[in-house]
Amino acid sequence: KHPRIIVISDEIYEHINYVGKHETICQFPGMKEQTVIVNGVSKA
């Protein structure tokens, strides 16, 4: 509802998950245009 807002989605702990599949906010229609996914190799 707020096109100016960008989500900075820090997903560095993606693979250290005890409840199943990782969920990202980017999966929802329109959110890729308003999201910066942050990830990397450090933790996993």
Full PDB file with SEQRES, HELIX, SHEET, SSBOND, CRYST1, ORIGX, SCALE, CONECT and MASTER records, all heavy atoms in Angstrom:
SEQRES   1 A   44  LYS HIS PRO ARG ILE ILE VAL ILE SER ASP GLU ILE TYR          
SEQRES   2 A   44  GLU HIS ILE ASN TYR VAL GLY LYS HIS GLU THR ILE CYS          
SEQRES   3 A   44  GLN PHE PRO GLY MET LYS GLU GLN THR VAL ILE VAL ASN          
SEQRES   4 A   44  GLY VAL SER LYS ALA                                          
HELIX    1 AA1 ILE A   25  GLN A   27  5                                   3    
HELIX    2 AA2 LYS A   32  GLN A   34  5                                   3    
SHEET    1 AA1 2 VAL A   7  ASP A  10  0                                        
SHEET    2 AA1 2 THR A  35  VAL A  38  1                                        
CRYST1    1.000    1.000    1.000  90.00  90.00  90.00 P 1           1          
ORIGX1      1.000000  0.000000  0.000000        0.00000                         
ORIGX2      0.000000  1.000000  0.000000        0.00000                         
ORIGX3      0.000000  0.000000  1.000000        0.00000                         
SCALE1      1.000000  0.000000  0.000000        0.00000                         
SCALE2      0.000000  1.000000  0.000000        0.00000                         
SCALE3      0.000000  0.000000  1.000000        0.00000                         
ATOM      1  N   LYS A   1       0.831  -1.223   0.000  1.00  0.00           N  
ATOM      2  CA  LYS A   1       0.000   0.000   0.000  1.00  0.00           C  
ATOM      3  C   LYS A   1       0.859   1.263   0.000  1.00  0.00           C  
ATOM      4  O   LYS A   1       0.343   2.367  -0.147  1.00  0.00           O  
ATOM      5  CB  LYS A   1      -0.922   0.009   1.231  1.00  0.00           C  
ATOM      6  CG  LYS A   1      -2.040  -1.018   1.171  1.00  0.00           C  
ATOM      7  CD  LYS A   1      -3.036  -0.819   2.302  1.00  0.00           C  
ATOM      8  CE  LYS A   1      -2.579  -1.478   3.586  1.00  0.00           C  
ATOM      9  NZ  LYS A   1      -3.587  -1.389   4.666  1.00  0.00           N  
ATOM     10  N   HIS A   2       2.178   1.100   0.193  1.00  0.00           N  
ATOM     11  CA  HIS A   2       3.089   2.244   0.308  1.00  0.00           C  
ATOM     12  C   HIS A   2       4.265   2.029  -0.658  1.00  0.00           C  
ATOM     13  O   HIS A   2       5.321   1.528  -0.253  1.00  0.00           O  
ATOM     14  CB  HIS A   2       3.591   2.368   1.744  1.00  0.00           C  
ATOM     15  CG  HIS A   2       2.491   2.506   2.757  1.00  0.00           C  
ATOM     16  ND1 HIS A   2       1.943   3.722   3.090  1.00  0.00           N  
ATOM     17  CD2 HIS A   2       1.829   1.575   3.496  1.00  0.00           C  
ATOM     18  CE1 HIS A   2       0.995   3.548   4.011  1.00  0.00           C  
ATOM     19  NE2 HIS A   2       0.901   2.245   4.266  1.00  0.00           N  
ATOM     20  N   PRO A   3       4.115   2.420  -1.910  1.00  0.00           N  
ATOM     21  CA  PRO A   3       5.134   2.117  -2.936  1.00  0.00           C  
ATOM     22  C   PRO A   3       6.521   2.688  -2.637  1.00  0.00           C  
ATOM     23  O   PRO A   3       7.512   2.199  -3.176  1.00  0.00           O  
ATOM     24  CB  PRO A   3       4.556   2.749  -4.204  1.00  0.00           C  
ATOM     25  CG  PRO A   3       3.089   2.852  -3.952  1.00  0.00           C  
ATOM     26  CD  PRO A   3       2.938   3.086  -2.489  1.00  0.00           C  
ATOM     27  N   ARG A   4       6.611   3.714  -1.789  1.00  0.00           N  
ATOM     28  CA  ARG A   4       7.914   4.323  -1.491  1.00  0.00           C  
ATOM     29  C   ARG A   4       8.742   3.470  -0.535  1.00  0.00           C  
ATOM     30  O   ARG A   4       9.961   3.629  -0.451  1.00  0.00           O  
ATOM     31  CB  ARG A   4       7.695   5.723  -0.889  1.00  0.00           C  
ATOM     32  CG  ARG A   4       8.979   6.490  -0.615  1.00  0.00           C  
ATOM     33  CD  ARG A   4       8.687   7.925  -0.178  1.00  0.00           C  
ATOM     34  NE  ARG A   4       9.928   8.669   0.025  1.00  0.00           N  
ATOM     35  CZ  ARG A   4      10.533   8.818   1.198  1.00  0.00           C  
ATOM     36  NH1 ARG A   4      10.017   8.272   2.287  1.00  0.00           N  
ATOM     37  NH2 ARG A   4      11.656   9.517   1.301  1.00  0.00           N  
ATOM     38  N   ILE A   5       8.090   2.566   0.203  1.00  0.00           N  
ATOM     39  CA  ILE A   5       8.791   1.805   1.243  1.00  0.00           C  
ATOM     40  C   ILE A   5       9.482   0.587   0.645  1.00  0.00           C  
ATOM     41  O   ILE A   5       8.882  -0.194  -0.092  1.00  0.00           O  
ATOM     42  CB  ILE A   5       7.821   1.371   2.360  1.00  0.00           C  
ATOM     43  CG1 ILE A   5       7.199   2.599   3.031  1.00  0.00           C  
ATOM     44  CG2 ILE A   5       8.548   0.507   3.399  1.00  0.00           C  
ATOM     45  CD1 ILE A   5       6.171   2.268   4.100  1.00  0.00           C  
ATOM     46  N   ILE A   6      10.765   0.444   0.978  1.00  0.00           N  
ATOM     47  CA  ILE A   6      11.563  -0.710   0.561  1.00  0.00           C  
ATOM     48  C   ILE A   6      11.820  -1.590   1.785  1.00  0.00           C  
ATOM     49  O   ILE A   6      12.193  -1.086   2.850  1.00  0.00           O  
ATOM     50  CB  ILE A   6      12.919  -0.259  -0.037  1.00  0.00           C  
ATOM     51  CG1 ILE A   6      12.708   0.665  -1.237  1.00  0.00           C  
ATOM     52  CG2 ILE A   6      13.758  -1.483  -0.423  1.00  0.00           C  
ATOM     53  CD1 ILE A   6      12.036   0.040  -2.429  1.00  0.00           C  
ATOM     54  N   VAL A   7      11.613  -2.892   1.634  1.00  0.00           N  
ATOM     55  CA  VAL A   7      11.951  -3.838   2.696  1.00  0.00           C  
ATOM     56  C   VAL A   7      13.394  -4.303   2.489  1.00  0.00           C  
ATOM     57  O   VAL A   7      13.752  -4.769   1.408  1.00  0.00           O  
ATOM     58  CB  VAL A   7      11.016  -5.063   2.692  1.00  0.00           C  
ATOM     59  CG1 VAL A   7      11.441  -6.065   3.774  1.00  0.00           C  
ATOM     60  CG2 VAL A   7       9.573  -4.633   2.908  1.00  0.00           C  
ATOM     61  N   ILE A   8      14.218  -4.130   3.513  1.00  0.00           N  
ATOM     62  CA  ILE A   8      15.558  -4.722   3.514  1.00  0.00           C  
ATOM     63  C   ILE A   8      15.426  -6.023   4.295  1.00  0.00           C  
ATOM     64  O   ILE A   8      15.269  -6.026   5.515  1.00  0.00           O  
ATOM     65  CB  ILE A   8      16.595  -3.776   4.147  1.00  0.00           C  
ATOM     66  CG1 ILE A   8      16.664  -2.458   3.352  1.00  0.00           C  
ATOM     67  CG2 ILE A   8      17.968  -4.444   4.211  1.00  0.00           C  
ATOM     68  CD1 ILE A   8      17.503  -1.378   4.009  1.00  0.00           C  
ATOM     69  N   SER A   9      15.413  -7.140   3.551  1.00  0.00           N  
ATOM     70  CA  SER A   9      15.108  -8.449   4.131  1.00  0.00           C  
ATOM     71  C   SER A   9      16.406  -9.214   4.385  1.00  0.00           C  
ATOM     72  O   SER A   9      17.000  -9.773   3.466  1.00  0.00           O  
ATOM     73  CB  SER A   9      14.200  -9.238   3.178  1.00  0.00           C  
ATOM     74  OG  SER A   9      13.857 -10.485   3.736  1.00  0.00           O  
ATOM     75  N   ASP A  10      16.832  -9.220   5.635  1.00  0.00           N  
ATOM     76  CA  ASP A  10      18.080  -9.876   6.040  1.00  0.00           C  
ATOM     77  C   ASP A  10      17.803 -11.360   6.253  1.00  0.00           C  
ATOM     78  O   ASP A  10      17.170 -11.747   7.236  1.00  0.00           O  
ATOM     79  CB  ASP A  10      18.602  -9.214   7.318  1.00  0.00           C  
ATOM     80  CG  ASP A  10      19.983  -9.717   7.722  1.00  0.00           C  
ATOM     81  OD1 ASP A  10      20.417 -10.764   7.196  1.00  0.00           O  
ATOM     82  OD2 ASP A  10      20.625  -9.073   8.571  1.00  0.00           O  
ATOM     83  N   GLU A  11      18.276 -12.184   5.308  1.00  0.00           N  
ATOM     84  CA  GLU A  11      17.994 -13.615   5.330  1.00  0.00           C  
ATOM     85  C   GLU A  11      19.271 -14.441   5.508  1.00  0.00           C  
ATOM     86  O   GLU A  11      19.362 -15.589   5.075  1.00  0.00           O  
ATOM     87  CB  GLU A  11      17.246 -13.996   4.040  1.00  0.00           C  
ATOM     88  CG  GLU A  11      15.969 -13.177   3.869  1.00  0.00           C  
ATOM     89  CD  GLU A  11      15.148 -13.509   2.627  1.00  0.00           C  
ATOM     90  OE1 GLU A  11      15.348 -14.605   2.047  1.00  0.00           O  
ATOM     91  OE2 GLU A  11      14.298 -12.685   2.238  1.00  0.00           O  
ATOM     92  N   ILE A  12      20.254 -13.858   6.203  1.00  0.00           N  
ATOM     93  CA  ILE A  12      21.557 -14.500   6.341  1.00  0.00           C  
ATOM     94  C   ILE A  12      21.470 -15.846   7.087  1.00  0.00           C  
ATOM     95  O   ILE A  12      22.302 -16.726   6.895  1.00  0.00           O  
ATOM     96  CB  ILE A  12      22.578 -13.545   7.029  1.00  0.00           C  
ATOM     97  CG1 ILE A  12      24.005 -14.097   6.939  1.00  0.00           C  
ATOM     98  CG2 ILE A  12      22.187 -13.265   8.459  1.00  0.00           C  
ATOM     99  CD1 ILE A  12      24.601 -14.123   5.570  1.00  0.00           C  
ATOM    100  N   TYR A  13      20.432 -16.023   7.925  1.00  0.00           N  
ATOM    101  CA  TYR A  13      20.281 -17.278   8.673  1.00  0.00           C  
ATOM    102  C   TYR A  13      19.311 -18.244   7.989  1.00  0.00           C  
ATOM    103  O   TYR A  13      18.810 -19.179   8.619  1.00  0.00           O  
ATOM    104  CB  TYR A  13      19.803 -16.989  10.105  1.00  0.00           C  
ATOM    105  CG  TYR A  13      20.830 -16.267  10.939  1.00  0.00           C  
ATOM    106  CD1 TYR A  13      20.808 -14.873  11.051  1.00  0.00           C  
ATOM    107  CD2 TYR A  13      21.844 -16.954  11.593  1.00  0.00           C  
ATOM    108  CE1 TYR A  13      21.773 -14.194  11.788  1.00  0.00           C  
ATOM    109  CE2 TYR A  13      22.809 -16.294  12.333  1.00  0.00           C  
ATOM    110  CZ  TYR A  13      22.763 -14.915  12.426  1.00  0.00           C  
ATOM    111  OH  TYR A  13      23.718 -14.261  13.164  1.00  0.00           O  
ATOM    112  N   GLU A  14      19.066 -18.026   6.713  1.00  0.00           N  
ATOM    113  CA  GLU A  14      18.096 -18.818   5.953  1.00  0.00           C  
ATOM    114  C   GLU A  14      18.190 -20.320   6.202  1.00  0.00           C  
ATOM    115  O   GLU A  14      17.186 -21.001   6.412  1.00  0.00           O  
ATOM    116  CB  GLU A  14      18.284 -18.547   4.453  1.00  0.00           C  
ATOM    117  CG  GLU A  14      17.486 -19.466   3.552  1.00  0.00           C  
ATOM    118  CD  GLU A  14      17.745 -19.251   2.066  1.00  0.00           C  
ATOM    119  OE1 GLU A  14      18.567 -18.382   1.716  1.00  0.00           O  
ATOM    120  OE2 GLU A  14      17.126 -19.961   1.261  1.00  0.00           O  
ATOM    121  N   HIS A  15      19.406 -20.857   6.171  1.00  0.00           N  
ATOM    122  CA  HIS A  15      19.565 -22.307   6.216  1.00  0.00           C  
ATOM    123  C   HIS A  15      19.633 -22.875   7.633  1.00  0.00           C  
ATOM    124  O   HIS A  15      19.690 -24.092   7.802  1.00  0.00           O  
ATOM    125  CB  HIS A  15      20.816 -22.718   5.426  1.00  0.00           C  
ATOM    126  CG  HIS A  15      20.643 -22.559   3.952  1.00  0.00           C  
ATOM    127  ND1 HIS A  15      21.164 -21.490   3.263  1.00  0.00           N  
ATOM    128  CD2 HIS A  15      19.968 -23.307   3.045  1.00  0.00           C  
ATOM    129  CE1 HIS A  15      20.831 -21.606   1.989  1.00  0.00           C  
ATOM    130  NE2 HIS A  15      20.113 -22.691   1.829  1.00  0.00           N  
ATOM    131  N   ILE A  16      19.641 -21.999   8.628  1.00  0.00           N  
ATOM    132  CA  ILE A  16      19.649 -22.492  10.020  1.00  0.00           C  
ATOM    133  C   ILE A  16      18.221 -22.345  10.533  1.00  0.00           C  
ATOM    134  O   ILE A  16      17.857 -21.381  11.194  1.00  0.00           O  
ATOM    135  CB  ILE A  16      20.687 -21.746  10.873  1.00  0.00           C  
ATOM    136  CG1 ILE A  16      22.062 -21.822  10.187  1.00  0.00           C  
ATOM    137  CG2 ILE A  16      20.768 -22.364  12.265  1.00  0.00           C  
ATOM    138  CD1 ILE A  16      23.137 -21.008  10.854  1.00  0.00           C  
ATOM    139  N   ASN A  17      17.405 -23.313  10.144  1.00  0.00           N  
ATOM    140  CA  ASN A  17      15.952 -23.245  10.278  1.00  0.00           C  
ATOM    141  C   ASN A  17      15.474 -24.587  10.811  1.00  0.00           C  
ATOM    142  O   ASN A  17      15.833 -25.629  10.276  1.00  0.00           O  
ATOM    143  CB  ASN A  17      15.382 -22.948   8.870  1.00  0.00           C  
ATOM    144  CG  ASN A  17      13.874 -22.837   8.846  1.00  0.00           C  
ATOM    145  OD1 ASN A  17      13.168 -23.576   9.520  1.00  0.00           O  
ATOM    146  ND2 ASN A  17      13.380 -21.923   8.032  1.00  0.00           N  
ATOM    147  N   TYR A  18      14.662 -24.551  11.883  1.00  0.00           N  
ATOM    148  CA  TYR A  18      14.229 -25.784  12.537  1.00  0.00           C  
ATOM    149  C   TYR A  18      12.750 -26.093  12.302  1.00  0.00           C  
ATOM    150  O   TYR A  18      12.208 -27.012  12.908  1.00  0.00           O  
ATOM    151  CB  TYR A  18      14.493 -25.706  14.046  1.00  0.00           C  
ATOM    152  CG  TYR A  18      15.870 -25.175  14.386  1.00  0.00           C  
ATOM    153  CD1 TYR A  18      16.028 -24.079  15.232  1.00  0.00           C  
ATOM    154  CD2 TYR A  18      17.013 -25.743  13.827  1.00  0.00           C  
ATOM    155  CE1 TYR A  18      17.286 -23.579  15.520  1.00  0.00           C  
ATOM    156  CE2 TYR A  18      18.275 -25.243  14.102  1.00  0.00           C  
ATOM    157  CZ  TYR A  18      18.399 -24.158  14.953  1.00  0.00           C  
ATOM    158  OH  TYR A  18      19.643 -23.648  15.229  1.00  0.00           O  
ATOM    159  N   VAL A  19      12.092 -25.316  11.443  1.00  0.00           N  
ATOM    160  CA  VAL A  19      10.639 -25.488  11.255  1.00  0.00           C  
ATOM    161  C   VAL A  19      10.275 -25.761   9.804  1.00  0.00           C  
ATOM    162  O   VAL A  19       9.113 -25.695   9.429  1.00  0.00           O  
ATOM    163  CB  VAL A  19       9.852 -24.266  11.783  1.00  0.00           C  
ATOM    164  CG1 VAL A  19       9.947 -24.185  13.291  1.00  0.00           C  
ATOM    165  CG2 VAL A  19      10.310 -22.970  11.138  1.00  0.00           C  
ATOM    166  N   GLY A  20      11.264 -26.064   8.971  1.00  0.00           N  
ATOM    167  CA  GLY A  20      10.939 -26.397   7.591  1.00  0.00           C  
ATOM    168  C   GLY A  20      11.480 -25.388   6.597  1.00  0.00           C  
ATOM    169  O   GLY A  20      12.530 -24.794   6.796  1.00  0.00           O  
ATOM    170  N   LYS A  21      10.739 -25.165   5.542  1.00  0.00           N  
ATOM    171  CA  LYS A  21      11.175 -24.359   4.407  1.00  0.00           C  
ATOM    172  C   LYS A  21      11.310 -22.884   4.790  1.00  0.00           C  
ATOM    173  O   LYS A  21      10.478 -22.335   5.500  1.00  0.00           O  
ATOM    174  CB  LYS A  21      10.156 -24.526   3.277  1.00  0.00           C  
ATOM    175  CG  LYS A  21      10.406 -23.683   2.042  1.00  0.00           C  
ATOM    176  CD  LYS A  21       9.368 -24.015   0.972  1.00  0.00           C  
ATOM    177  CE  LYS A  21       9.426 -23.031  -0.173  1.00  0.00           C  
ATOM    178  NZ  LYS A  21       8.846 -21.729   0.158  1.00  0.00           N  
ATOM    179  N   HIS A  22      12.379 -22.257   4.286  1.00  0.00           N  
ATOM    180  CA  HIS A  22      12.557 -20.814   4.479  1.00  0.00           C  
ATOM    181  C   HIS A  22      11.513 -20.054   3.676  1.00  0.00           C  
ATOM    182  O   HIS A  22      11.241 -20.367   2.518  1.00  0.00           O  
ATOM    183  CB  HIS A  22      13.963 -20.401   4.038  1.00  0.00           C  
ATOM    184  CG  HIS A  22      14.191 -18.920   4.044  1.00  0.00           C  
ATOM    185  ND1 HIS A  22      14.285 -18.195   5.221  1.00  0.00           N  
ATOM    186  CD2 HIS A  22      14.322 -18.021   3.033  1.00  0.00           C  
ATOM    187  CE1 HIS A  22      14.472 -16.920   4.923  1.00  0.00           C  
ATOM    188  NE2 HIS A  22      14.497 -16.792   3.609  1.00  0.00           N  
ATOM    189  N   GLU A  23      10.933 -19.054   4.310  1.00  0.00           N  
ATOM    190  CA  GLU A  23       9.959 -18.188   3.625  1.00  0.00           C  
ATOM    191  C   GLU A  23      10.564 -16.797   3.471  1.00  0.00           C  
ATOM    192  O   GLU A  23      11.104 -16.238   4.421  1.00  0.00           O  
ATOM    193  CB  GLU A  23       8.653 -18.095   4.429  1.00  0.00           C  
ATOM    194  CG  GLU A  23       7.976 -19.427   4.720  1.00  0.00           C  
ATOM    195  CD  GLU A  23       7.324 -20.075   3.505  1.00  0.00           C  
ATOM    196  OE1 GLU A  23       7.266 -19.422   2.443  1.00  0.00           O  
ATOM    197  OE2 GLU A  23       6.882 -21.229   3.620  1.00  0.00           O  
ATOM    198  N   THR A  24      10.446 -16.243   2.264  1.00  0.00           N  
ATOM    199  CA  THR A  24      10.915 -14.887   2.010  1.00  0.00           C  
ATOM    200  C   THR A  24       9.746 -14.001   1.628  1.00  0.00           C  
ATOM    201  O   THR A  24       8.799 -14.456   0.965  1.00  0.00           O  
ATOM    202  CB  THR A  24      11.981 -14.859   0.900  1.00  0.00           C  
ATOM    203  OG1 THR A  24      12.333 -13.503   0.621  1.00  0.00           O  
ATOM    204  CG2 THR A  24      11.486 -15.520  -0.383  1.00  0.00           C  
ATOM    205  N   ILE A  25       9.804 -12.758   2.043  1.00  0.00           N  
ATOM    206  CA  ILE A  25       8.728 -11.818   1.721  1.00  0.00           C  
ATOM    207  C   ILE A  25       8.658 -11.541   0.227  1.00  0.00           C  
ATOM    208  O   ILE A  25       7.638 -11.089  -0.290  1.00  0.00           O  
ATOM    209  CB  ILE A  25       8.891 -10.516   2.543  1.00  0.00           C  
ATOM    210  CG1 ILE A  25       7.562  -9.758   2.600  1.00  0.00           C  
ATOM    211  CG2 ILE A  25      10.034  -9.647   1.991  1.00  0.00           C  
ATOM    212  CD1 ILE A  25       7.502  -8.680   3.662  1.00  0.00           C  
ATOM    213  N   CYS A  26       9.724 -11.860  -0.507  1.00  0.00           N  
ATOM    214  CA  CYS A  26       9.767 -11.637  -1.951  1.00  0.00           C  
ATOM    215  C   CYS A  26       8.824 -12.539  -2.735  1.00  0.00           C  
ATOM    216  O   CYS A  26       8.583 -12.298  -3.911  1.00  0.00           O  
ATOM    217  CB  CYS A  26      11.185 -11.835  -2.474  1.00  0.00           C  
ATOM    218  SG  CYS A  26      12.082 -10.308  -2.603  1.00  0.00           S  
ATOM    219  N   GLN A  27       8.324 -13.590  -2.107  1.00  0.00           N  
ATOM    220  CA  GLN A  27       7.504 -14.559  -2.839  1.00  0.00           C  
ATOM    221  C   GLN A  27       6.149 -13.994  -3.230  1.00  0.00           C  
ATOM    222  O   GLN A  27       5.476 -14.546  -4.117  1.00  0.00           O  
ATOM    223  CB  GLN A  27       7.317 -15.820  -1.990  1.00  0.00           C  
ATOM    224  CG  GLN A  27       6.454 -15.621  -0.745  1.00  0.00           C  
ATOM    225  CD  GLN A  27       6.444 -16.831   0.155  1.00  0.00           C  
ATOM    226  OE1 GLN A  27       5.758 -17.815  -0.125  1.00  0.00           O  
ATOM    227  NE2 GLN A  27       7.228 -16.797   1.219  1.00  0.00           N  
ATOM    228  N   PHE A  28       5.726 -12.896  -2.613  1.00  0.00           N  
ATOM    229  CA  PHE A  28       4.385 -12.374  -2.870  1.00  0.00           C  
ATOM    230  C   PHE A  28       4.396 -11.405  -4.049  1.00  0.00           C  
ATOM    231  O   PHE A  28       5.342 -10.604  -4.180  1.00  0.00           O  
ATOM    232  CB  PHE A  28       3.831 -11.702  -1.606  1.00  0.00           C  
ATOM    233  CG  PHE A  28       3.815 -12.622  -0.424  1.00  0.00           C  
ATOM    234  CD1 PHE A  28       4.716 -12.451   0.622  1.00  0.00           C  
ATOM    235  CD2 PHE A  28       2.934 -13.696  -0.366  1.00  0.00           C  
ATOM    236  CE1 PHE A  28       4.733 -13.313   1.705  1.00  0.00           C  
ATOM    237  CE2 PHE A  28       2.946 -14.569   0.715  1.00  0.00           C  
ATOM    238  CZ  PHE A  28       3.838 -14.377   1.745  1.00  0.00           C  
ATOM    239  N   PRO A  29       3.378 -11.465  -4.914  1.00  0.00           N  
ATOM    240  CA  PRO A  29       3.349 -10.606  -6.112  1.00  0.00           C  
ATOM    241  C   PRO A  29       3.549  -9.131  -5.764  1.00  0.00           C  
ATOM    242  O   PRO A  29       2.920  -8.607  -4.836  1.00  0.00           O  
ATOM    243  CB  PRO A  29       1.945 -10.853  -6.679  1.00  0.00           C  
ATOM    244  CG  PRO A  29       1.576 -12.231  -6.203  1.00  0.00           C  
ATOM    245  CD  PRO A  29       2.213 -12.355  -4.848  1.00  0.00           C  
ATOM    246  N   GLY A  30       4.468  -8.496  -6.480  1.00  0.00           N  
ATOM    247  CA  GLY A  30       4.753  -7.076  -6.277  1.00  0.00           C  
ATOM    248  C   GLY A  30       5.865  -6.786  -5.302  1.00  0.00           C  
ATOM    249  O   GLY A  30       6.429  -5.685  -5.306  1.00  0.00           O  
ATOM    250  N   MET A  31       6.221  -7.773  -4.466  1.00  0.00           N  
ATOM    251  CA  MET A  31       7.198  -7.485  -3.410  1.00  0.00           C  
ATOM    252  C   MET A  31       8.635  -7.448  -3.914  1.00  0.00           C  
ATOM    253  O   MET A  31       9.483  -6.797  -3.311  1.00  0.00           O  
ATOM    254  CB  MET A  31       7.076  -8.495  -2.264  1.00  0.00           C  
ATOM    255  CG  MET A  31       5.956  -8.191  -1.276  1.00  0.00           C  
ATOM    256  SD  MET A  31       5.969  -6.509  -0.617  1.00  0.00           S  
ATOM    257  CE  MET A  31       7.555  -6.442   0.199  1.00  0.00           C  
ATOM    258  N   LYS A  32       8.930  -8.145  -5.007  1.00  0.00           N  
ATOM    259  CA  LYS A  32      10.304  -8.094  -5.532  1.00  0.00           C  
ATOM    260  C   LYS A  32      10.714  -6.667  -5.874  1.00  0.00           C  
ATOM    261  O   LYS A  32      11.877  -6.286  -5.723  1.00  0.00           O  
ATOM    262  CB  LYS A  32      10.423  -8.973  -6.781  1.00  0.00           C  
ATOM    263  CG  LYS A  32      11.051 -10.325  -6.527  1.00  0.00           C  
ATOM    264  CD  LYS A  32      11.178 -11.152  -7.779  1.00  0.00           C  
ATOM    265  CE  LYS A  32      12.130 -10.527  -8.767  1.00  0.00           C  
ATOM    266  NZ  LYS A  32      12.229 -11.277 -10.038  1.00  0.00           N  
ATOM    267  N   GLU A  33       9.742  -5.879  -6.326  1.00  0.00           N  
ATOM    268  CA  GLU A  33      10.027  -4.493  -6.715  1.00  0.00           C  
ATOM    269  C   GLU A  33      10.242  -3.593  -5.505  1.00  0.00           C  
ATOM    270  O   GLU A  33      10.724  -2.465  -5.646  1.00  0.00           O  
ATOM    271  CB  GLU A  33       8.879  -3.939  -7.584  1.00  0.00           C  
ATOM    272  CG  GLU A  33       8.810  -4.526  -8.985  1.00  0.00           C  
ATOM    273  CD  GLU A  33       8.389  -5.992  -8.990  1.00  0.00           C  
ATOM    274  OE1 GLU A  33       7.465  -6.362  -8.232  1.00  0.00           O  
ATOM    275  OE2 GLU A  33       9.004  -6.772  -9.759  1.00  0.00           O  
ATOM    276  N   GLN A  34       9.888  -4.088  -4.317  1.00  0.00           N  
ATOM    277  CA  GLN A  34      10.022  -3.280  -3.101  1.00  0.00           C  
ATOM    278  C   GLN A  34      10.889  -3.956  -2.042  1.00  0.00           C  
ATOM    279  O   GLN A  34      10.785  -3.637  -0.855  1.00  0.00           O  
ATOM    280  CB  GLN A  34       8.638  -2.970  -2.511  1.00  0.00           C  
ATOM    281  CG  GLN A  34       7.875  -1.893  -3.269  1.00  0.00           C  
ATOM    282  CD  GLN A  34       6.516  -1.594  -2.657  1.00  0.00           C  
ATOM    283  OE1 GLN A  34       5.483  -1.907  -3.231  1.00  0.00           O  
ATOM    284  NE2 GLN A  34       6.510  -0.985  -1.477  1.00  0.00           N  
ATOM    285  N   THR A  35      11.762  -4.865  -2.469  1.00  0.00           N  
ATOM    286  CA  THR A  35      12.564  -5.619  -1.499  1.00  0.00           C  
ATOM    287  C   THR A  35      14.023  -5.703  -1.925  1.00  0.00           C  
ATOM    288  O   THR A  35      14.320  -5.906  -3.105  1.00  0.00           O  
ATOM    289  CB  THR A  35      12.020  -7.056  -1.314  1.00  0.00           C  
ATOM    290  OG1 THR A  35      10.642  -6.993  -0.924  1.00  0.00           O  
ATOM    291  CG2 THR A  35      12.798  -7.815  -0.251  1.00  0.00           C  
ATOM    292  N   VAL A  36      14.905  -5.550  -0.942  1.00  0.00           N  
ATOM    293  CA  VAL A  36      16.316  -5.878  -1.095  1.00  0.00           C  
ATOM    294  C   VAL A  36      16.572  -7.117  -0.245  1.00  0.00           C  
ATOM    295  O   VAL A  36      16.504  -7.055   0.991  1.00  0.00           O  
ATOM    296  CB  VAL A  36      17.229  -4.721  -0.623  1.00  0.00           C  
ATOM    297  CG1 VAL A  36      18.700  -5.131  -0.714  1.00  0.00           C  
ATOM    298  CG2 VAL A  36      16.965  -3.456  -1.416  1.00  0.00           C  
ATOM    299  N   ILE A  37      16.817  -8.254  -0.890  1.00  0.00           N  
ATOM    300  CA  ILE A  37      17.206  -9.458  -0.144  1.00  0.00           C  
ATOM    301  C   ILE A  37      18.692  -9.341   0.192  1.00  0.00           C  
ATOM    302  O   ILE A  37      19.509  -9.015  -0.669  1.00  0.00           O  
ATOM    303  CB  ILE A  37      16.966 -10.735  -0.966  1.00  0.00           C  
ATOM    304  CG1 ILE A  37      15.481 -11.009  -1.118  1.00  0.00           C  
ATOM    305  CG2 ILE A  37      17.655 -11.939  -0.319  1.00  0.00           C  
ATOM    306  CD1 ILE A  37      15.175 -12.247  -1.953  1.00  0.00           C  
ATOM    307  N   VAL A  38      19.034  -9.605   1.447  1.00  0.00           N  
ATOM    308  CA  VAL A  38      20.431  -9.656   1.884  1.00  0.00           C  
ATOM    309  C   VAL A  38      20.727 -11.081   2.337  1.00  0.00           C  
ATOM    310  O   VAL A  38      19.983 -11.650   3.138  1.00  0.00           O  
ATOM    311  CB  VAL A  38      20.687  -8.666   3.039  1.00  0.00           C  
ATOM    312  CG1 VAL A  38      22.101  -8.836   3.577  1.00  0.00           C  
ATOM    313  CG2 VAL A  38      20.436  -7.233   2.596  1.00  0.00           C  
ATOM    314  N   ASN A  39      21.808 -11.645   1.829  1.00  0.00           N  
ATOM    315  CA  ASN A  39      22.177 -12.996   2.216  1.00  0.00           C  
ATOM    316  C   ASN A  39      23.681 -13.154   2.020  1.00  0.00           C  
ATOM    317  O   ASN A  39      24.365 -12.188   1.678  1.00  0.00           O  
ATOM    318  CB  ASN A  39      21.386 -14.031   1.402  1.00  0.00           C  
ATOM    319  CG  ASN A  39      21.143 -15.327   2.160  1.00  0.00           C  
ATOM    320  OD1 ASN A  39      21.976 -15.770   2.939  1.00  0.00           O  
ATOM    321  ND2 ASN A  39      19.988 -15.953   1.922  1.00  0.00           N  
ATOM    322  N   GLY A  40      24.204 -14.337   2.235  1.00  0.00           N  
ATOM    323  CA  GLY A  40      25.641 -14.550   2.107  1.00  0.00           C  
ATOM    324  C   GLY A  40      26.034 -15.925   2.597  1.00  0.00           C  
ATOM    325  O   GLY A  40      25.185 -16.753   2.939  1.00  0.00           O  
ATOM    326  N   VAL A  41      27.336 -16.152   2.652  1.00  0.00           N  
ATOM    327  CA  VAL A  41      27.849 -17.495   2.958  1.00  0.00           C  
ATOM    328  C   VAL A  41      28.282 -17.673   4.415  1.00  0.00           C  
ATOM    329  O   VAL A  41      28.595 -18.786   4.823  1.00  0.00           O  
ATOM    330  CB  VAL A  41      29.040 -17.844   2.027  1.00  0.00           C  
ATOM    331  CG1 VAL A  41      28.580 -17.944   0.580  1.00  0.00           C  
ATOM    332  CG2 VAL A  41      30.179 -16.835   2.153  1.00  0.00           C  
ATOM    333  N   SER A  42      28.293 -16.595   5.197  1.00  0.00           N  
ATOM    334  CA  SER A  42      28.919 -16.647   6.522  1.00  0.00           C  
ATOM    335  C   SER A  42      28.353 -17.718   7.437  1.00  0.00           C  
ATOM    336  O   SER A  42      29.101 -18.506   8.026  1.00  0.00           O  
ATOM    337  CB  SER A  42      28.793 -15.283   7.220  1.00  0.00           C  
ATOM    338  OG  SER A  42      29.580 -14.326   6.576  1.00  0.00           O  
ATOM    339  N   LYS A  43      27.041 -17.747   7.586  1.00  0.00           N  
ATOM    340  CA  LYS A  43      26.436 -18.606   8.609  1.00  0.00           C  
ATOM    341  C   LYS A  43      26.211 -20.026   8.099  1.00  0.00           C  
ATOM    342  O   LYS A  43      26.566 -21.000   8.762  1.00  0.00           O  
ATOM    343  CB  LYS A  43      25.118 -17.997   9.093  1.00  0.00           C  
ATOM    344  CG  LYS A  43      25.164 -16.515   9.429  1.00  0.00           C  
ATOM    345  CD  LYS A  43      26.110 -16.158  10.558  1.00  0.00           C  
ATOM    346  CE  LYS A  43      26.031 -14.651  10.857  1.00  0.00           C  
ATOM    347  NZ  LYS A  43      26.896 -14.240  11.952  1.00  0.00           N  
ATOM    348  N   ALA A  44      25.607 -20.161   6.917  1.00  0.00           N  
ATOM    349  CA  ALA A  44      25.245 -21.488   6.418  1.00  0.00           C  
ATOM    350  C   ALA A  44      26.464 -22.346   6.120  1.00  0.00           C  
ATOM    351  O   ALA A  44      26.439 -23.562   6.316  1.00  0.00           O  
ATOM    352  CB  ALA A  44      24.383 -21.358   5.169  1.00  0.00           C  
TER     353      ALA A  44                                                      
MASTER        0    0    0    2    2    0    0    6  352    1    0    4          
END                                                                             
